[in-house]
Amino acid sequence: MNHPTGRPSLSPRPRFAILWFLLFVVIAGTILNLPDRPDAIGLSAFLRIPLDAVLLGLLLLVMPRRMRSPIIVLAVIVLGVLLFLKLADLGTQSAFQRSFNPYLDGKMLRDGWNLLSGTLGGGAALIVCLAILSVFLLILGLLGRSMRVTASLSGRSRMMLGLPLLMVAALGGLAVARPALVEHLPFPRFTSSSASYLSDRVGLIARSVEDTRRFDAELRRVDPRRGAAPNFAAVAGRDVVLIFVESYGRSAIEDPRYAPRIDRRLDEMTRQLGDAGFSTASRWIGSPTVAGLSWLAHGTFVSGLWIDSQLRYDRLMTSDRTSLNRQFSAAGWQSVAVMPAITMDWPEAAWYGYDRILAAKDLGYRGKPFNWVTMPDQFTLSAFHRLVRDGSDRKPVMAEIALISSHAPWTPVPHLIDWTAVGDGSAFNDQATADETPTEVWADPAKIQDHYIRTVDYALETLGDYISRYGGDALFLIIGDHQPANIITGANASRAVPLHVISRDQAVIDQFRQHGFGDGLAPSATGGEIPMSQMRDLLADTLSPPALAGNRPLP
């Protein structure tokens, strides 16, 4: 039937109108009720009445025709932003135990792509990303269509939907204004949180901008270590090797699911190292990151500044802050980076001031990759020894090494072989294809946890064996870069990581004990933790004791 104007009617048949209205209610209600934390997801979260959706439904039914399009477009945009932010929150809360920050976290999209494509392959990763994007756009398309149909209702259909919505809105307003009056009624809970949610996100961005200003001011202040470098006389003429172990955090040592295995490993390492003449001391260190973004921990350790965001890291990379690596270079060491995960250009290396960089391509690995992991830790240490430490006619080395066998997806799990059989890495080919695929492992949380702790166990076993055989008179600092994701640790886990100091020089170990380090490889359960940002200066003070003072100026 036509309107008197001759234009076709936009009103659908009543039964279809009801279905489109119900679709609007389901989509809008799901978006508004969707929790932003994984531990809050459950049926009860969705059995609430979002007052925002009720009011939007009423607005659709009563607004003039000329206002429909702009209001519907605006509503779809707002609900789309809410859906994106909540999904991003679920991801960052699962991985990093914090909310998504649009101001700081843009780079994570690229890092997520690198991890996904490295795990599934580029083609499969692209298909997954396109499928997710298609579903997201489909949801918004259906939302927009259902809103247009709802807004076009007229006559009895509009009255049939409008009156119940008006009653629910009135009850919801009463529930918000006077909750005590309706809390005992047999109705679901009302919620109205979208405005506060978006307001909180705007506040988070504003705080991040202000934090950036404060950090820029901190960078502009004169670095107290800039004028005179420590001489590191306590380890004069000896190698100093700083080793970051991927995802090695407090939970690996104290969580009852993992502690038995790692306790045995640390006990075995202590015995093995003791038999080889090494002493050990350990302490908990607070990491600025969790579940990823390892470079934030690296930057924090060697800069003496708290680098807990990508933006802070980027600012640091353009500053004249003196890195620990440069301090050692100025004191006569050759500063070396051993980075098996670096497969692309690495311009940030210029800030660290390494004298020599050994990225993945420079280490000479000819074996198969372990999914995302380019090479097993044993090969990395073997190549480091062969390319850097083997030989007598050289300067002492200060090396920064990032081991990656305990990086997600934690499969395949490598195992130690005879060091003389390592060769070019092809000896590991069978191991690289022997375990379950990431898809198989990640289908079962118990398998994820089992593979995780086995890779950490492997990294520690490899380190213990390498140091006991080839450590010589070097000082080794072994530290976790961060805790793994909460699928491993559970919610609200500590951010602490262990730092182990290993040396044959008892006097050096005693110096660390004076700074709160305890004997052995198991940090005290009751011992406090110090921020990783204190480690640059703590090392300088510990290894350059007053009795051996004589600092030299930095170039």
Protein backbone atom coordinates (compact mmCIF):
# COMPACT_ATOMS: atom_id res chain seq x y z
CA MET A 1 0.00 0.00 0.00
CA ASN A 2 1.25 3.53 -0.77
CA HIS A 3 1.17 6.67 1.35
CA PRO A 4 -0.94 9.54 0.02
CA THR A 5 2.32 11.09 -1.11
CA GLY A 6 2.87 8.13 -3.42
CA ARG A 7 6.02 6.95 -1.64
CA PRO A 8 6.21 3.28 -0.58
CA SER A 9 5.70 2.51 3.08
CA LEU A 10 8.85 1.82 5.15
CA SER A 11 6.93 -0.11 7.80
CA PRO A 12 7.51 -3.85 7.65
CA ARG A 13 4.89 -6.39 8.54
CA PRO A 14 4.32 -6.54 12.31
CA ARG A 15 5.75 -10.01 12.84
CA PHE A 16 8.96 -9.10 11.00
CA ALA A 17 9.11 -5.77 12.81
CA ILE A 18 9.05 -7.58 16.14
CA LEU A 19 11.90 -9.84 15.02
CA TRP A 20 14.02 -6.86 13.93
CA PHE A 21 13.27 -5.10 17.21
CA LEU A 22 14.29 -8.20 19.16
CA LEU A 23 17.51 -8.35 17.13
CA PHE A 24 18.21 -4.74 18.10
CA VAL A 25 17.60 -5.59 21.76
CA VAL A 26 19.90 -8.62 21.62
CA ILE A 27 22.78 -6.86 19.85
CA ALA A 28 22.61 -3.59 21.78
CA GLY A 29 22.04 -5.39 25.08
CA THR A 30 24.96 -7.76 24.47
CA ILE A 31 27.32 -4.91 23.63
CA LEU A 32 26.27 -2.85 26.64
CA ASN A 33 26.37 -5.81 29.03
CA LEU A 34 29.60 -7.30 27.68
CA PRO A 35 32.14 -7.29 30.55
CA ASP A 36 35.57 -5.80 30.01
CA ARG A 37 37.33 -8.44 32.14
CA PRO A 38 37.53 -12.16 31.34
CA ASP A 39 36.76 -13.21 34.92
CA ALA A 40 33.45 -11.30 34.78
CA ILE A 41 32.10 -13.17 31.77
CA GLY A 42 29.17 -15.40 32.66
CA LEU A 43 25.45 -15.80 32.14
CA SER A 44 24.64 -13.41 34.98
CA ALA A 45 26.51 -10.60 33.20
CA PHE A 46 24.01 -10.75 30.34
CA LEU A 47 20.87 -11.19 32.46
CA ARG A 48 20.70 -7.49 33.16
CA ILE A 49 18.63 -4.76 31.54
CA PRO A 50 20.84 -2.04 30.05
CA LEU A 51 18.93 1.18 30.59
CA ASP A 52 20.90 2.76 27.74
CA ALA A 53 19.38 0.28 25.27
CA VAL A 54 15.87 0.88 26.63
CA LEU A 55 16.21 4.64 26.23
CA LEU A 56 17.70 4.23 22.76
CA GLY A 57 14.74 2.02 21.78
CA LEU A 58 12.31 4.67 22.97
CA LEU A 59 14.21 7.34 21.08
CA LEU A 60 14.00 5.29 17.88
CA LEU A 61 10.23 5.05 18.24
CA VAL A 62 9.51 8.73 18.94
CA MET A 63 12.11 10.72 16.99
CA PRO A 64 11.07 12.64 13.88
CA ARG A 65 11.81 11.13 10.48
CA ARG A 66 14.42 13.78 9.58
CA MET A 67 16.52 12.88 12.65
CA ARG A 68 16.56 9.13 12.11
CA SER A 69 19.61 8.78 9.90
CA PRO A 70 22.05 10.96 11.90
CA ILE A 71 20.95 9.50 15.24
CA ILE A 72 21.15 5.90 13.97
CA VAL A 73 24.60 6.51 12.47
CA LEU A 74 25.79 8.11 15.71
CA ALA A 75 24.35 5.24 17.80
CA VAL A 76 26.01 2.60 15.59
CA ILE A 77 29.34 4.42 15.87
CA VAL A 78 29.09 4.71 19.66
CA LEU A 79 28.05 1.07 20.09
CA GLY A 80 30.77 0.01 17.63
CA VAL A 81 33.38 1.91 19.64
CA LEU A 82 32.06 0.30 22.84
CA LEU A 83 32.24 -3.16 21.29
CA PHE A 84 35.78 -2.58 20.00
CA LEU A 85 37.00 -1.20 23.33
CA LYS A 86 35.45 -4.02 25.36
CA LEU A 87 36.88 -6.69 23.06
CA ALA A 88 40.25 -4.94 23.24
CA ASP A 89 39.92 -4.82 27.03
CA LEU A 90 39.23 -8.55 27.15
CA GLY A 91 42.37 -9.12 25.10
CA THR A 92 44.66 -6.83 27.07
CA GLN A 93 43.23 -7.96 30.42
CA SER A 94 43.85 -11.60 29.40
CA ALA A 95 47.37 -10.86 28.21
CA PHE A 96 48.60 -7.88 30.22
CA GLN A 97 46.17 -7.62 33.15
CA ARG A 98 45.19 -4.03 32.33
CA SER A 99 42.68 -2.13 30.26
CA PHE A 100 43.27 -1.27 26.61
CA ASN A 101 44.73 2.19 26.18
CA PRO A 102 44.02 3.66 22.72
CA TYR A 103 46.72 6.29 23.26
CA LEU A 104 49.48 3.79 24.02
CA ASP A 105 48.57 0.42 22.55
CA GLY A 106 48.39 0.98 18.81
CA LYS A 107 51.71 -0.78 18.24
CA MET A 108 50.32 -3.95 19.79
CA LEU A 109 48.25 -4.55 16.66
CA ARG A 110 51.47 -5.02 14.68
CA ASP A 111 53.04 -7.14 17.41
CA GLY A 112 49.90 -9.28 17.59
CA TRP A 113 50.05 -9.78 13.84
CA ASN A 114 53.71 -10.82 14.06
CA LEU A 115 52.91 -13.39 16.75
CA LEU A 116 49.79 -14.70 15.00
CA SER A 117 51.46 -14.99 11.60
CA GLY A 118 54.51 -16.59 13.17
CA THR A 119 52.32 -19.17 14.89
CA LEU A 120 49.72 -19.91 12.19
CA GLY A 121 51.49 -18.75 9.06
CA GLY A 122 50.83 -15.54 7.11
CA GLY A 123 47.95 -16.88 5.02
CA ALA A 124 46.07 -18.46 7.92
CA ALA A 125 46.63 -15.37 10.08
CA LEU A 126 45.22 -13.13 7.34
CA ILE A 127 42.14 -15.34 7.02
CA VAL A 128 41.59 -15.18 10.79
CA CYS A 129 41.92 -11.39 10.83
CA LEU A 130 39.57 -10.95 7.87
CA ALA A 131 37.03 -13.30 9.46
CA ILE A 132 37.11 -11.31 12.72
CA LEU A 133 36.73 -8.03 10.85
CA SER A 134 33.86 -9.43 8.77
CA VAL A 135 31.98 -10.61 11.86
CA PHE A 136 32.51 -7.24 13.53
CA LEU A 137 31.15 -5.36 10.50
CA LEU A 138 28.27 -7.82 10.14
CA ILE A 139 27.23 -7.17 13.74
CA LEU A 140 27.25 -3.42 13.18
CA GLY A 141 25.39 -3.81 9.88
CA LEU A 142 22.65 -5.87 11.53
CA LEU A 143 22.51 -3.38 14.38
CA GLY A 144 22.03 -0.48 11.98
CA ARG A 145 19.39 -2.33 9.96
CA SER A 146 17.44 -3.33 13.07
CA MET A 147 17.49 0.26 14.30
CA ARG A 148 16.22 1.57 10.96
CA VAL A 149 13.35 -0.92 10.96
CA THR A 150 12.47 -0.10 14.56
CA ALA A 151 12.49 3.63 13.81
CA SER A 152 10.18 3.13 10.81
CA LEU A 153 7.41 1.46 12.83
CA SER A 154 4.10 3.24 13.01
CA GLY A 155 0.61 2.88 14.40
CA ARG A 156 -0.18 -0.16 16.52
CA SER A 157 3.30 -1.69 16.15
CA ARG A 158 4.89 1.41 17.57
CA MET A 159 2.37 1.53 20.43
CA MET A 160 2.81 -2.21 21.14
CA LEU A 161 6.57 -1.76 21.62
CA GLY A 162 6.60 1.76 23.02
CA LEU A 163 4.39 1.21 26.08
CA PRO A 164 6.43 -1.71 27.52
CA LEU A 165 9.65 0.19 26.83
CA LEU A 166 8.26 3.25 28.59
CA MET A 167 7.31 1.16 31.62
CA VAL A 168 10.71 -0.51 31.74
CA ALA A 169 12.44 2.87 31.36
CA ALA A 170 10.40 4.28 34.26
CA LEU A 171 11.25 1.29 36.43
CA GLY A 172 14.88 1.55 35.39
CA GLY A 173 14.99 5.24 36.24
CA LEU A 174 13.55 4.45 39.66
CA ALA A 175 16.12 1.67 40.12
CA VAL A 176 18.93 4.11 39.36
CA ALA A 177 17.56 6.96 41.47
CA ARG A 178 16.20 4.89 44.40
CA PRO A 179 17.64 1.36 44.17
CA ALA A 180 16.35 0.40 47.63
CA LEU A 181 12.75 0.71 46.40
CA VAL A 182 13.08 -1.92 43.68
CA GLU A 183 15.90 -4.20 44.80
CA HIS A 184 13.46 -6.81 46.15
CA LEU A 185 11.23 -6.87 43.07
CA PRO A 186 11.46 -9.96 40.79
CA PHE A 187 13.18 -8.07 37.96
CA PRO A 188 16.68 -8.38 36.53
CA ARG A 189 19.21 -5.76 37.59
CA PHE A 190 19.30 -2.52 35.62
CA THR A 191 22.63 -1.19 34.40
CA SER A 192 23.63 2.14 32.89
CA SER A 193 27.38 2.17 32.53
CA SER A 194 28.22 3.06 28.93
CA ALA A 195 28.64 6.79 29.66
CA SER A 196 30.89 6.16 32.66
CA TYR A 197 32.81 3.50 30.70
CA LEU A 198 33.56 5.92 27.86
CA SER A 199 34.28 8.69 30.34
CA ASP A 200 36.78 6.47 32.14
CA ARG A 201 38.48 5.71 28.83
CA VAL A 202 38.76 9.39 28.00
CA GLY A 203 40.20 9.92 31.48
CA LEU A 204 42.71 7.13 30.88
CA ILE A 205 43.86 8.82 27.68
CA ALA A 206 44.14 12.16 29.47
CA ARG A 207 46.22 10.60 32.25
CA SER A 208 48.44 8.95 29.65
CA VAL A 209 49.05 12.28 27.94
CA GLU A 210 49.98 13.82 31.29
CA ASP A 211 52.23 10.87 32.11
CA THR A 212 54.00 11.40 28.80
CA ARG A 213 54.63 15.03 29.71
CA ARG A 214 56.06 14.00 33.09
CA PHE A 215 58.28 11.37 31.48
CA ASP A 216 59.55 13.85 28.91
CA ALA A 217 60.48 16.17 31.78
CA GLU A 218 62.26 13.28 33.51
CA LEU A 219 64.23 12.57 30.35
CA ARG A 220 65.23 16.23 30.08
CA ARG A 221 66.76 16.16 33.54
CA VAL A 222 70.50 15.49 33.60
CA ASP A 223 71.31 11.81 34.04
CA PRO A 224 73.41 11.60 37.23
CA ARG A 225 75.44 8.83 35.58
CA ARG A 226 76.09 10.84 32.44
CA GLY A 227 79.12 12.73 33.70
CA ALA A 228 81.10 9.77 35.04
CA ALA A 229 80.73 6.11 34.17
CA PRO A 230 81.18 3.40 36.81
CA ASN A 231 84.44 1.53 36.46
CA PHE A 232 82.97 -1.90 37.37
CA ALA A 233 86.31 -2.66 39.04
CA ALA A 234 84.85 -5.60 40.99
CA VAL A 235 84.65 -7.56 37.73
CA ALA A 236 87.60 -6.00 35.93
CA GLY A 237 88.81 -8.10 33.01
CA ARG A 238 85.87 -10.53 33.26
CA ASP A 239 82.79 -11.09 31.13
CA VAL A 240 79.46 -9.85 32.44
CA VAL A 241 76.49 -11.66 30.89
CA LEU A 242 72.95 -10.34 31.39
CA ILE A 243 70.40 -12.98 30.29
CA PHE A 244 66.67 -12.35 30.04
CA VAL A 245 64.60 -15.54 30.23
CA GLU A 246 61.28 -15.15 28.43
CA SER A 247 58.12 -15.33 30.61
CA TYR A 248 60.06 -16.48 33.69
CA GLY A 249 58.14 -14.95 36.58
CA ARG A 250 57.30 -15.49 40.22
CA SER A 251 54.47 -17.88 39.40
CA ALA A 252 56.90 -20.39 37.89
CA ILE A 253 58.59 -20.65 41.28
CA GLU A 254 55.69 -20.26 43.73
CA ASP A 255 52.49 -21.38 41.99
CA PRO A 256 51.63 -24.88 43.30
CA ARG A 257 51.00 -26.05 39.71
CA TYR A 258 54.56 -25.27 38.68
CA ALA A 259 56.65 -25.06 41.85
CA PRO A 260 57.48 -28.79 42.19
CA ARG A 261 59.13 -28.94 38.76
CA ILE A 262 60.99 -25.61 39.08
CA ASP A 263 62.01 -26.30 42.69
CA ARG A 264 63.69 -29.49 41.50
CA ARG A 265 65.33 -27.62 38.64
CA LEU A 266 66.67 -24.84 40.84
CA ASP A 267 67.95 -27.39 43.37
CA GLU A 268 69.70 -29.29 40.58
CA MET A 269 71.17 -26.07 39.18
CA THR A 270 72.42 -25.06 42.63
CA ARG A 271 74.14 -28.44 43.03
CA GLN A 272 75.52 -28.40 39.49
CA LEU A 273 76.85 -24.85 39.78
CA GLY A 274 78.20 -25.46 43.27
CA ASP A 275 80.14 -28.49 42.06
CA ALA A 276 81.64 -26.24 39.37
CA GLY A 277 82.73 -23.66 41.96
CA PHE A 278 79.96 -21.08 41.51
CA SER A 279 78.12 -19.19 44.23
CA THR A 280 74.61 -17.82 43.77
CA ALA A 281 72.28 -15.17 45.14
CA SER A 282 68.74 -14.18 44.15
CA ARG A 283 66.06 -11.55 44.68
CA TRP A 284 62.60 -10.60 43.39
CA ILE A 285 62.50 -7.73 40.91
CA GLY A 286 59.36 -5.83 39.84
CA SER A 287 58.86 -5.90 36.06
CA PRO A 288 57.14 -3.03 34.21
CA THR A 289 55.26 -5.39 31.91
CA VAL A 290 53.44 -8.71 31.94
CA ALA A 291 52.76 -11.38 29.31
CA GLY A 292 54.67 -9.61 26.56
CA LEU A 293 56.37 -6.41 25.40
CA SER A 294 59.69 -7.76 26.66
CA TRP A 295 61.58 -4.75 25.34
CA LEU A 296 59.93 -2.63 28.03
CA ALA A 297 61.72 -4.75 30.63
CA HIS A 298 65.00 -4.58 28.72
CA GLY A 299 64.75 -0.80 28.42
CA THR A 300 63.82 -0.43 32.09
CA PHE A 301 66.74 -2.57 33.29
CA VAL A 302 69.48 -0.82 31.33
CA SER A 303 68.11 2.76 31.49
CA GLY A 304 67.27 3.07 35.17
CA LEU A 305 63.85 4.48 34.24
CA TRP A 306 60.40 2.89 34.57
CA ILE A 307 59.39 2.03 30.99
CA ASP A 308 55.87 0.59 31.26
CA SER A 309 54.41 1.67 27.91
CA GLN A 310 55.39 1.71 24.27
CA LEU A 311 55.21 5.49 24.24
CA ARG A 312 57.72 5.77 27.10
CA TYR A 313 59.95 3.29 25.29
CA ASP A 314 59.80 5.31 22.07
CA ARG A 315 60.65 8.48 23.98
CA LEU A 316 63.59 6.74 25.67
CA MET A 317 64.95 5.62 22.32
CA THR A 318 65.33 9.25 21.19
CA SER A 319 66.84 10.49 24.46
CA ASP A 320 70.46 10.86 25.60
CA ARG A 321 69.88 8.72 28.69
CA THR A 322 72.96 6.55 29.31
CA SER A 323 72.33 2.82 29.04
CA LEU A 324 74.07 0.22 31.15
CA ASN A 325 75.55 -1.14 27.92
CA ARG A 326 77.20 2.22 27.15
CA GLN A 327 78.53 2.41 30.71
CA PHE A 328 80.29 -0.91 30.28
CA SER A 329 81.64 0.14 26.88
CA ALA A 330 83.04 3.32 28.39
CA ALA A 331 84.72 1.26 31.12
CA GLY A 332 86.52 -0.96 28.60
CA TRP A 333 84.12 -3.81 27.87
CA GLN A 334 82.82 -4.81 24.45
CA SER A 335 79.04 -4.42 24.60
CA VAL A 336 77.28 -7.20 22.67
CA ALA A 337 73.59 -7.89 22.00
CA VAL A 338 72.48 -11.47 21.29
CA MET A 339 68.90 -11.28 20.04
CA PRO A 340 67.57 -14.46 18.37
CA ALA A 341 64.06 -12.97 18.08
CA ILE A 342 65.19 -9.97 16.01
CA THR A 343 64.43 -10.85 12.38
CA MET A 344 63.82 -7.36 10.97
CA ASP A 345 65.54 -3.99 11.11
CA TRP A 346 66.13 -2.84 14.67
CA PRO A 347 66.73 0.92 14.71
CA GLU A 348 66.25 1.08 18.49
CA ALA A 349 69.59 -0.68 18.91
CA ALA A 350 71.31 2.68 18.32
CA TRP A 351 70.12 3.97 21.70
CA TYR A 352 71.48 0.96 23.60
CA GLY A 353 74.94 1.64 22.19
CA TYR A 354 76.02 -1.94 21.49
CA ASP A 355 79.45 -2.42 19.97
CA ARG A 356 78.22 -5.57 18.25
CA ILE A 357 74.77 -6.96 17.47
CA LEU A 358 74.03 -10.61 16.80
CA ALA A 359 70.44 -10.84 15.55
CA ALA A 360 68.79 -14.05 14.33
CA LYS A 361 70.49 -14.01 10.94
CA ASP A 362 73.92 -13.41 12.52
CA LEU A 363 73.82 -16.45 14.82
CA GLY A 364 74.10 -18.96 11.97
CA TYR A 365 71.13 -21.16 12.80
CA ARG A 366 70.33 -23.56 9.94
CA GLY A 367 67.77 -25.71 11.71
CA LYS A 368 63.99 -25.54 11.59
CA PRO A 369 62.18 -22.93 13.69
CA PHE A 370 60.14 -23.96 16.72
CA ASN A 371 57.01 -22.22 15.39
CA TRP A 372 57.44 -18.53 16.34
CA VAL A 373 60.67 -19.27 18.19
CA THR A 374 63.50 -18.90 15.69
CA MET A 375 65.95 -21.21 17.48
CA PRO A 376 66.26 -23.09 20.78
CA ASP A 377 68.08 -21.49 23.69
CA GLN A 378 70.88 -24.04 23.61
CA PHE A 379 71.83 -22.96 20.11
CA THR A 380 71.70 -19.28 21.10
CA LEU A 381 74.12 -19.86 23.97
CA SER A 382 76.32 -22.11 21.85
CA ALA A 383 76.52 -19.45 19.10
CA PHE A 384 77.22 -16.74 21.70
CA HIS A 385 80.09 -18.77 23.09
CA ARG A 386 81.50 -19.58 19.65
CA LEU A 387 81.14 -16.10 18.16
CA VAL A 388 81.88 -13.95 21.21
CA ARG A 389 83.53 -15.68 24.14
CA ASP A 390 85.67 -18.36 22.48
CA GLY A 391 89.22 -17.13 22.13
CA SER A 392 91.70 -15.36 24.40
CA ASP A 393 92.74 -12.30 22.38
CA ARG A 394 89.74 -10.10 23.07
CA LYS A 395 88.32 -7.48 25.40
CA PRO A 396 86.05 -8.54 28.24
CA VAL A 397 82.44 -8.71 27.09
CA MET A 398 79.28 -7.22 28.52
CA ALA A 399 76.55 -9.24 26.78
CA GLU A 400 72.79 -8.76 26.83
CA ILE A 401 71.03 -11.95 25.72
CA ALA A 402 67.29 -12.51 25.26
CA LEU A 403 66.41 -16.21 25.33
CA ILE A 404 63.11 -17.11 23.66
CA SER A 405 62.40 -20.85 23.99
CA SER A 406 59.90 -20.08 26.76
CA HIS A 407 57.96 -17.68 24.54
CA ALA A 408 54.39 -18.51 23.53
CA PRO A 409 53.07 -20.70 21.93
CA TRP A 410 55.37 -22.94 24.06
CA THR A 411 55.46 -25.75 21.55
CA PRO A 412 57.48 -27.66 20.55
CA VAL A 413 59.35 -28.01 23.85
CA PRO A 414 63.10 -28.38 23.14
CA HIS A 415 65.41 -30.65 25.08
CA LEU A 416 69.10 -30.43 25.81
CA ILE A 417 71.58 -32.27 23.60
CA ASP A 418 75.35 -32.72 23.78
CA TRP A 419 76.98 -29.33 23.28
CA THR A 420 79.45 -30.77 20.79
CA ALA A 421 76.53 -31.90 18.60
CA VAL A 422 74.87 -28.47 18.34
CA GLY A 423 76.69 -27.48 15.14
CA ASP A 424 74.64 -25.31 12.80
CA GLY A 425 71.39 -26.19 14.52
CA SER A 426 70.19 -28.86 12.10
CA ALA A 427 70.54 -31.33 14.98
CA PHE A 428 67.36 -29.78 16.40
CA ASN A 429 65.21 -30.45 13.32
CA ASP A 430 63.52 -33.53 14.79
CA GLN A 431 62.69 -31.63 17.97
CA ALA A 432 61.20 -28.76 15.97
CA THR A 433 58.54 -31.03 14.47
CA ALA A 434 58.05 -33.61 17.22
CA ASP A 435 55.56 -31.91 19.55
CA GLU A 436 51.88 -30.97 19.27
CA THR A 437 50.89 -28.04 17.08
CA PRO A 438 49.94 -24.68 18.63
CA THR A 439 46.32 -25.32 17.65
CA GLU A 440 46.30 -28.61 19.57
CA VAL A 441 48.03 -27.16 22.62
CA TRP A 442 45.95 -24.00 22.81
CA ALA A 443 42.69 -25.92 22.66
CA ASP A 444 43.29 -27.07 26.26
CA PRO A 445 44.38 -24.70 29.09
CA ALA A 446 45.98 -27.62 30.94
CA LYS A 447 48.19 -28.33 27.93
CA ILE A 448 49.12 -24.66 27.65
CA GLN A 449 50.23 -24.60 31.28
CA ASP A 450 52.13 -27.87 30.96
CA HIS A 451 54.00 -26.73 27.84
CA TYR A 452 54.74 -23.34 29.41
CA ILE A 453 56.43 -24.72 32.49
CA ARG A 454 58.34 -27.32 30.50
CA THR A 455 59.85 -24.60 28.31
CA VAL A 456 60.89 -22.60 31.39
CA ASP A 457 62.37 -25.76 32.87
CA TYR A 458 64.30 -26.31 29.63
CA ALA A 459 65.64 -22.73 29.65
CA LEU A 460 66.90 -23.09 33.23
CA GLU A 461 68.40 -26.51 32.57
CA THR A 462 70.22 -25.13 29.53
CA LEU A 463 71.55 -22.16 31.47
CA GLY A 464 72.73 -24.30 34.37
CA ASP A 465 74.51 -26.68 32.04
CA TYR A 466 76.11 -23.90 29.97
CA ILE A 467 77.37 -21.91 32.96
CA SER A 468 78.71 -24.94 34.83
CA ARG A 469 80.65 -26.04 31.72
CA TYR A 470 81.65 -22.77 30.07
CA GLY A 471 81.04 -20.03 32.62
CA GLY A 472 84.68 -19.49 33.51
CA ASP A 473 85.23 -16.40 35.65
CA ALA A 474 82.26 -14.48 34.19
CA LEU A 475 79.49 -12.87 36.19
CA PHE A 476 76.04 -14.05 35.08
CA LEU A 477 72.82 -12.16 35.78
CA ILE A 478 69.77 -14.26 34.90
CA ILE A 479 66.43 -12.45 35.09
CA GLY A 480 62.89 -13.09 33.93
CA ASP A 481 61.60 -10.39 31.63
CA HIS A 482 58.00 -10.63 32.85
CA GLN A 483 55.27 -12.92 34.11
CA PRO A 484 53.31 -14.88 31.47
CA ALA A 485 49.65 -14.22 30.65
CA ASN A 486 46.99 -14.94 33.24
CA ILE A 487 45.98 -18.15 31.46
CA ILE A 488 49.21 -19.34 33.09
CA THR A 489 49.29 -17.34 36.31
CA GLY A 490 45.62 -16.77 37.07
CA ALA A 491 44.14 -13.34 37.75
CA ASN A 492 45.86 -10.70 39.88
CA ALA A 493 49.23 -12.46 39.98
CA SER A 494 52.36 -10.68 41.13
CA ARG A 495 54.45 -8.90 38.51
CA ALA A 496 57.69 -9.92 40.16
CA VAL A 497 60.41 -11.86 38.37
CA PRO A 498 63.48 -13.60 39.80
CA LEU A 499 67.01 -12.28 39.36
CA HIS A 500 69.80 -14.81 39.88
CA VAL A 501 73.42 -13.70 40.30
CA ILE A 502 76.00 -16.41 39.55
CA SER A 503 79.77 -16.06 39.92
CA ARG A 504 82.86 -17.95 41.10
CA ASP A 505 83.92 -14.77 42.93
CA GLN A 506 82.48 -14.98 46.42
CA ALA A 507 83.31 -11.34 47.08
CA VAL A 508 81.04 -10.25 44.21
CA ILE A 509 78.20 -12.40 45.53
CA ASP A 510 78.71 -10.88 48.98
CA GLN A 511 78.32 -7.41 47.48
CA PHE A 512 74.89 -8.39 46.16
CA ARG A 513 73.93 -9.83 49.54
CA GLN A 514 74.49 -6.38 51.01
CA HIS A 515 71.74 -5.17 48.68
CA GLY A 516 69.14 -7.64 49.94
CA PHE A 517 69.90 -10.68 47.78
CA GLY A 518 69.53 -14.04 49.50
CA ASP A 519 71.66 -17.15 49.13
CA GLY A 520 70.82 -19.65 46.40
CA LEU A 521 68.63 -19.59 43.31
CA ALA A 522 65.26 -19.47 45.09
CA PRO A 523 64.38 -15.89 46.12
CA SER A 524 62.94 -15.60 49.60
CA ALA A 525 59.16 -15.94 49.66
CA THR A 526 59.02 -13.15 52.27
CA GLY A 527 61.71 -10.97 50.74
CA GLY A 528 60.60 -7.71 49.23
CA GLU A 529 61.00 -6.78 45.59
CA ILE A 530 62.73 -3.80 44.06
CA PRO A 531 61.69 -2.14 40.81
CA MET A 532 63.61 -3.18 37.73
CA SER A 533 64.30 0.52 37.12
CA GLN A 534 66.74 0.46 40.07
CA MET A 535 68.94 -2.24 38.56
CA ARG A 536 71.16 -0.05 36.37
CA ASP A 537 72.38 2.02 39.29
CA LEU A 538 72.40 -0.92 41.71
CA LEU A 539 74.77 -2.80 39.40
CA ALA A 540 76.96 0.27 38.99
CA ASP A 541 77.19 0.73 42.77
CA THR A 542 77.62 -2.96 43.53
CA LEU A 543 80.33 -3.60 40.95
CA SER A 544 82.12 -0.30 41.53
CA PRO A 545 82.56 -0.32 45.32
CA PRO A 546 84.08 2.80 46.95
CA ALA A 547 87.33 1.02 47.70
CA LEU A 548 87.79 0.51 43.97
CA ALA A 549 86.50 3.93 42.88
CA GLY A 550 88.00 5.89 40.04
CA ASN A 551 85.16 6.53 37.65
CA ARG A 552 85.95 7.75 34.18
CA PRO A 553 83.96 10.28 32.15
CA LEU A 554 81.67 9.02 29.40
CA PRO A 555 82.63 9.97 25.85
